């Protein structure tokens, strides 16, 4: 199984990028990638597309928390990470929901909120 975050970091470090366009992968600046990279990308296309979709959902959620909620970006990203996590083993659904709700209220009530 490919390490998709590491793969995307290498692609971007070479000056190229992959994005989803209508559910399909689109390669930008592919000529900047080393030989064989395109084949590797094709072999892992489904995993890459799934990762890019999750990355976009995460970024959107963090942006909503930051801009609509007035939270600092670092806080927004950390809270968004929890929102996308699977409930930890041994934690029941009610406790996990309480935890997420409490974190959200803490962000809403934080004194460092900026004006929207």
N, C-alpha and C. Protein backbone atom coordinates (compact mmCIF):
# COMPACT_ATOMS: atom_id res chain seq x y z
N UNK A 1 0.85 -1.19 0.00
CA UNK A 1 0.00 0.00 0.00
C UNK A 1 0.89 1.24 0.00
N UNK A 2 0.61 2.16 -0.86
CA UNK A 2 1.40 3.38 -1.00
C UNK A 2 1.12 4.35 0.15
N UNK A 3 2.13 5.09 0.54
CA UNK A 3 1.99 6.16 1.52
C UNK A 3 1.57 7.41 0.75
N UNK A 4 0.27 7.62 0.63
CA UNK A 4 -0.26 8.69 -0.23
C UNK A 4 0.16 10.08 0.23
N UNK A 5 0.10 10.41 1.53
CA UNK A 5 0.57 11.75 1.92
C UNK A 5 2.04 12.00 1.52
N UNK A 6 2.89 10.99 1.69
CA UNK A 6 4.30 11.14 1.30
C UNK A 6 4.43 11.26 -0.21
N UNK A 7 3.65 10.48 -0.94
CA UNK A 7 3.67 10.56 -2.40
C UNK A 7 3.24 11.95 -2.87
N UNK A 8 2.17 12.47 -2.29
CA UNK A 8 1.70 13.80 -2.68
C UNK A 8 2.74 14.87 -2.33
N UNK A 9 3.41 14.71 -1.21
CA UNK A 9 4.46 15.67 -0.82
C UNK A 9 5.59 15.64 -1.85
N UNK A 10 5.98 14.45 -2.31
CA UNK A 10 7.05 14.35 -3.32
C UNK A 10 6.61 14.96 -4.65
N UNK A 11 5.37 14.69 -5.05
CA UNK A 11 4.85 15.25 -6.30
C UNK A 11 4.89 16.78 -6.22
N UNK A 12 4.39 17.32 -5.12
CA UNK A 12 4.34 18.77 -4.96
C UNK A 12 5.72 19.38 -4.82
N UNK A 13 6.65 18.66 -4.21
CA UNK A 13 8.03 19.15 -4.08
C UNK A 13 8.72 19.26 -5.43
N UNK A 14 8.28 18.47 -6.40
CA UNK A 14 8.84 18.52 -7.76
C UNK A 14 8.19 19.60 -8.61
N UNK A 15 7.22 20.32 -8.06
CA UNK A 15 6.56 21.38 -8.82
C UNK A 15 5.36 20.91 -9.60
N UNK A 16 4.92 19.69 -9.34
CA UNK A 16 3.72 19.15 -9.99
C UNK A 16 2.62 19.06 -8.94
N UNK A 17 1.44 18.65 -9.38
CA UNK A 17 0.34 18.48 -8.43
C UNK A 17 -0.70 17.58 -9.06
N UNK A 18 -1.50 16.98 -8.20
CA UNK A 18 -2.65 16.21 -8.62
C UNK A 18 -3.87 16.83 -7.98
N UNK A 19 -4.95 16.89 -8.74
CA UNK A 19 -6.20 17.40 -8.19
C UNK A 19 -7.35 16.59 -8.75
N UNK A 20 -8.47 16.67 -8.08
CA UNK A 20 -9.68 16.01 -8.58
C UNK A 20 -10.45 17.00 -9.43
N UNK A 21 -10.86 16.54 -10.59
CA UNK A 21 -11.65 17.36 -11.51
C UNK A 21 -12.81 16.51 -11.97
N UNK A 22 -13.98 16.74 -11.40
CA UNK A 22 -15.13 15.93 -11.75
C UNK A 22 -14.97 14.48 -11.35
N UNK A 23 -14.28 14.23 -10.25
CA UNK A 23 -14.07 12.87 -9.77
C UNK A 23 -12.90 12.16 -10.42
N UNK A 24 -12.23 12.81 -11.36
CA UNK A 24 -11.07 12.20 -12.04
C UNK A 24 -9.80 12.93 -11.64
N UNK A 25 -8.70 12.19 -11.59
CA UNK A 25 -7.42 12.80 -11.27
C UNK A 25 -6.93 13.63 -12.44
N UNK A 26 -6.41 14.79 -12.12
CA UNK A 26 -5.83 15.67 -13.13
C UNK A 26 -4.42 16.01 -12.67
N UNK A 27 -3.45 15.74 -13.52
CA UNK A 27 -2.04 15.99 -13.22
C UNK A 27 -1.65 17.36 -13.77
N UNK A 28 -1.06 18.17 -12.92
CA UNK A 28 -0.60 19.49 -13.30
C UNK A 28 0.93 19.47 -13.29
N UNK A 29 1.54 20.00 -14.35
CA UNK A 29 3.01 20.04 -14.50
C UNK A 29 3.64 18.66 -14.40
N UNK A 30 3.00 17.68 -15.02
CA UNK A 30 3.49 16.30 -14.98
C UNK A 30 4.89 16.12 -15.55
N UNK A 31 5.30 17.01 -16.45
CA UNK A 31 6.64 16.91 -17.05
C UNK A 31 7.74 17.15 -16.03
N UNK A 32 7.40 17.72 -14.88
CA UNK A 32 8.40 17.98 -13.86
C UNK A 32 8.69 16.74 -13.00
N UNK A 33 7.91 15.69 -13.20
CA UNK A 33 8.09 14.48 -12.40
C UNK A 33 9.14 13.57 -13.00
N UNK A 34 9.83 12.79 -12.17
CA UNK A 34 10.85 11.88 -12.69
C UNK A 34 10.21 10.73 -13.49
N UNK A 35 11.04 10.06 -14.26
CA UNK A 35 10.59 8.92 -15.06
C UNK A 35 9.98 7.87 -14.15
N UNK A 36 8.90 7.27 -14.59
CA UNK A 36 8.23 6.23 -13.82
C UNK A 36 7.18 6.74 -12.85
N UNK A 37 7.18 8.02 -12.59
CA UNK A 37 6.24 8.58 -11.62
C UNK A 37 4.80 8.43 -12.10
N UNK A 38 4.57 8.67 -13.38
CA UNK A 38 3.21 8.59 -13.92
C UNK A 38 2.65 7.19 -13.78
N UNK A 39 3.47 6.17 -14.03
CA UNK A 39 3.01 4.79 -13.87
C UNK A 39 2.63 4.51 -12.42
N UNK A 40 3.44 4.98 -11.49
CA UNK A 40 3.17 4.78 -10.07
C UNK A 40 1.87 5.50 -9.67
N UNK A 41 1.68 6.68 -10.21
CA UNK A 41 0.45 7.44 -9.94
C UNK A 41 -0.76 6.67 -10.47
N UNK A 42 -0.65 6.13 -11.67
CA UNK A 42 -1.76 5.37 -12.25
C UNK A 42 -2.07 4.13 -11.42
N UNK A 43 -1.05 3.45 -10.93
CA UNK A 43 -1.25 2.24 -10.12
C UNK A 43 -1.97 2.56 -8.81
N UNK A 44 -1.79 3.75 -8.30
CA UNK A 44 -2.36 4.14 -7.01
C UNK A 44 -3.44 5.20 -7.15
N UNK A 45 -4.00 5.32 -8.34
CA UNK A 45 -4.96 6.38 -8.63
C UNK A 45 -6.16 6.42 -7.71
N UNK A 46 -6.75 5.27 -7.42
CA UNK A 46 -7.94 5.23 -6.55
C UNK A 46 -7.60 5.72 -5.16
N UNK A 47 -6.48 5.25 -4.60
CA UNK A 47 -6.06 5.70 -3.27
C UNK A 47 -5.78 7.20 -3.26
N UNK A 48 -5.13 7.69 -4.30
CA UNK A 48 -4.81 9.12 -4.38
C UNK A 48 -6.10 9.93 -4.44
N UNK A 49 -7.05 9.50 -5.27
CA UNK A 49 -8.32 10.23 -5.41
C UNK A 49 -9.06 10.25 -4.08
N UNK A 50 -9.09 9.13 -3.38
CA UNK A 50 -9.75 9.08 -2.07
C UNK A 50 -9.08 10.03 -1.09
N UNK A 51 -7.75 10.05 -1.09
CA UNK A 51 -7.00 10.91 -0.18
C UNK A 51 -7.27 12.39 -0.50
N UNK A 52 -7.25 12.74 -1.78
CA UNK A 52 -7.51 14.12 -2.19
C UNK A 52 -8.92 14.55 -1.80
N UNK A 53 -9.88 13.64 -1.91
CA UNK A 53 -11.25 13.96 -1.52
C UNK A 53 -11.32 14.22 -0.02
N UNK A 54 -10.68 13.38 0.78
CA UNK A 54 -10.66 13.60 2.23
C UNK A 54 -9.93 14.89 2.58
N UNK A 55 -8.82 15.18 1.88
CA UNK A 55 -8.07 16.41 2.12
C UNK A 55 -8.95 17.63 1.85
N UNK A 56 -9.71 17.59 0.77
CA UNK A 56 -10.60 18.71 0.43
C UNK A 56 -11.70 18.87 1.47
N UNK A 57 -12.26 17.76 1.94
CA UNK A 57 -13.29 17.83 2.97
C UNK A 57 -12.72 18.40 4.26
N UNK A 58 -11.51 17.98 4.62
CA UNK A 58 -10.86 18.48 5.82
C UNK A 58 -10.62 19.99 5.70
N UNK A 59 -10.07 20.43 4.56
CA UNK A 59 -9.80 21.86 4.36
C UNK A 59 -11.07 22.69 4.43
N UNK A 60 -12.15 22.16 3.84
CA UNK A 60 -13.41 22.89 3.88
C UNK A 60 -13.93 23.00 5.31
N UNK A 61 -13.87 21.91 6.06
CA UNK A 61 -14.34 21.93 7.44
C UNK A 61 -13.51 22.89 8.28
N UNK A 62 -12.17 22.85 8.13
CA UNK A 62 -11.30 23.75 8.89
C UNK A 62 -11.60 25.21 8.53
N UNK A 63 -11.85 25.49 7.26
CA UNK A 63 -12.15 26.86 6.84
C UNK A 63 -13.47 27.34 7.44
N UNK A 64 -14.46 26.47 7.51
CA UNK A 64 -15.74 26.85 8.12
C UNK A 64 -15.54 27.18 9.59
N UNK A 65 -14.79 26.33 10.28
CA UNK A 65 -14.53 26.57 11.71
C UNK A 65 -13.77 27.88 11.89
N UNK A 66 -12.79 28.12 11.02
CA UNK A 66 -11.99 29.34 11.13
C UNK A 66 -12.81 30.58 10.80
N UNK A 67 -13.44 30.62 9.64
CA UNK A 67 -14.08 31.85 9.19
C UNK A 67 -15.48 32.06 9.77
N UNK A 68 -16.29 31.02 9.77
CA UNK A 68 -17.64 31.18 10.33
C UNK A 68 -17.61 31.17 11.85
N UNK A 69 -16.71 30.37 12.42
CA UNK A 69 -16.64 30.26 13.87
C UNK A 69 -15.71 31.26 14.51
N UNK A 70 -14.83 31.87 13.71
CA UNK A 70 -13.90 32.87 14.25
C UNK A 70 -12.73 32.29 15.01
N UNK A 71 -12.46 31.00 14.85
CA UNK A 71 -11.34 30.37 15.56
C UNK A 71 -10.03 30.59 14.81
N UNK A 72 -8.92 30.65 15.54
CA UNK A 72 -7.61 30.71 14.86
C UNK A 72 -7.42 29.48 13.98
N UNK A 73 -6.70 29.62 12.88
CA UNK A 73 -6.54 28.52 11.91
C UNK A 73 -5.99 27.26 12.58
N UNK A 74 -5.00 27.42 13.43
CA UNK A 74 -4.40 26.24 14.09
C UNK A 74 -5.46 25.47 14.88
N UNK A 75 -6.30 26.19 15.61
CA UNK A 75 -7.37 25.55 16.38
C UNK A 75 -8.37 24.88 15.44
N UNK A 76 -8.70 25.56 14.36
CA UNK A 76 -9.67 25.03 13.40
C UNK A 76 -9.17 23.72 12.80
N UNK A 77 -7.90 23.67 12.45
CA UNK A 77 -7.34 22.45 11.86
C UNK A 77 -7.31 21.32 12.88
N UNK A 78 -6.95 21.63 14.12
CA UNK A 78 -6.90 20.59 15.14
C UNK A 78 -8.29 20.03 15.42
N UNK A 79 -9.29 20.90 15.50
CA UNK A 79 -10.65 20.43 15.74
C UNK A 79 -11.16 19.63 14.54
N UNK A 80 -10.87 20.09 13.33
CA UNK A 80 -11.30 19.38 12.13
C UNK A 80 -10.71 17.97 12.10
N UNK A 81 -9.48 17.81 12.59
CA UNK A 81 -8.88 16.47 12.65
C UNK A 81 -9.73 15.54 13.50
N UNK A 82 -10.21 16.03 14.64
CA UNK A 82 -11.07 15.21 15.49
C UNK A 82 -12.39 14.88 14.81
N UNK A 83 -12.93 15.83 14.07
CA UNK A 83 -14.20 15.59 13.40
C UNK A 83 -14.10 14.48 12.36
N UNK A 84 -12.91 14.27 11.80
CA UNK A 84 -12.73 13.25 10.78
C UNK A 84 -12.19 11.94 11.33
N UNK A 85 -11.91 11.89 12.61
CA UNK A 85 -11.41 10.67 13.21
C UNK A 85 -12.55 9.69 13.48
N UNK A 86 -12.20 8.42 13.48
CA UNK A 86 -13.13 7.39 13.89
C UNK A 86 -13.17 7.37 15.41
N UNK A 87 -14.32 7.12 15.94
CA UNK A 87 -14.46 7.05 17.39
C UNK A 87 -13.46 6.03 17.95
N UNK A 88 -12.69 6.43 18.95
CA UNK A 88 -11.68 5.51 19.51
C UNK A 88 -12.32 4.25 20.09
N UNK A 89 -11.60 3.17 19.98
CA UNK A 89 -12.07 1.90 20.53
C UNK A 89 -12.26 2.05 22.04
N UNK A 90 -13.33 1.53 22.56
CA UNK A 90 -13.60 1.60 23.98
C UNK A 90 -14.38 2.84 24.39
N UNK A 91 -14.60 3.77 23.47
CA UNK A 91 -15.38 4.98 23.76
C UNK A 91 -16.75 4.81 23.11
N UNK A 92 -17.80 4.93 23.92
CA UNK A 92 -19.12 4.74 23.34
C UNK A 92 -19.55 5.97 22.54
N UNK A 93 -20.56 5.79 21.73
CA UNK A 93 -21.03 6.85 20.82
C UNK A 93 -21.46 8.10 21.58
N UNK A 94 -22.14 7.92 22.70
CA UNK A 94 -22.61 9.06 23.49
C UNK A 94 -21.43 9.88 24.03
N UNK A 95 -20.40 9.22 24.54
CA UNK A 95 -19.23 9.92 25.07
C UNK A 95 -18.45 10.62 23.95
N UNK A 96 -18.35 10.00 22.79
CA UNK A 96 -17.62 10.60 21.66
C UNK A 96 -18.37 11.85 21.18
N UNK A 97 -19.68 11.75 21.08
CA UNK A 97 -20.49 12.90 20.68
C UNK A 97 -20.36 14.03 21.70
N UNK A 98 -20.39 13.68 22.99
CA UNK A 98 -20.23 14.68 24.04
C UNK A 98 -18.88 15.38 23.90
N UNK A 99 -17.82 14.61 23.66
CA UNK A 99 -16.47 15.17 23.52
C UNK A 99 -16.41 16.17 22.36
N UNK A 100 -16.92 15.76 21.20
CA UNK A 100 -16.88 16.65 20.03
C UNK A 100 -17.73 17.90 20.27
N UNK A 101 -18.89 17.73 20.86
CA UNK A 101 -19.76 18.87 21.15
C UNK A 101 -19.10 19.83 22.13
N UNK A 102 -18.46 19.28 23.15
CA UNK A 102 -17.79 20.12 24.15
C UNK A 102 -16.64 20.90 23.51
N UNK A 103 -15.86 20.23 22.66
CA UNK A 103 -14.77 20.93 21.96
C UNK A 103 -15.31 22.06 21.09
N UNK A 104 -16.40 21.79 20.38
CA UNK A 104 -17.01 22.82 19.54
C UNK A 104 -17.49 24.01 20.35
N UNK A 105 -18.11 23.74 21.51
CA UNK A 105 -18.57 24.84 22.37
C UNK A 105 -17.40 25.64 22.91
N UNK A 106 -16.30 24.96 23.23
CA UNK A 106 -15.12 25.67 23.73
C UNK A 106 -14.59 26.62 22.66
N UNK A 107 -14.57 26.18 21.41
CA UNK A 107 -14.14 27.06 20.33
C UNK A 107 -15.09 28.24 20.17
N UNK A 108 -16.38 27.95 20.25
CA UNK A 108 -17.38 29.01 20.11
C UNK A 108 -17.25 30.07 21.20
N UNK A 109 -16.86 29.66 22.40
CA UNK A 109 -16.83 30.55 23.54
C UNK A 109 -15.43 31.12 23.83
N UNK A 110 -14.44 30.76 23.02
CA UNK A 110 -13.07 31.20 23.28
C UNK A 110 -12.95 32.71 23.16
N UNK A 111 -12.20 33.34 24.06
CA UNK A 111 -12.07 34.81 24.04
C UNK A 111 -11.23 35.33 22.87
N UNK A 112 -10.47 34.47 22.17
CA UNK A 112 -9.62 34.95 21.08
C UNK A 112 -10.35 34.99 19.74
N UNK A 113 -11.65 34.83 19.78
CA UNK A 113 -12.43 34.90 18.55
C UNK A 113 -12.25 36.25 17.90
N UNK A 114 -12.15 36.26 16.61
CA UNK A 114 -12.05 37.53 15.89
C UNK A 114 -13.40 37.85 15.27
N UNK A 115 -13.57 39.08 14.96
CA UNK A 115 -14.85 39.52 14.37
C UNK A 115 -15.01 38.88 13.00
N UNK A 116 -16.21 38.42 12.72
CA UNK A 116 -16.49 37.79 11.43
C UNK A 116 -16.75 38.82 10.37
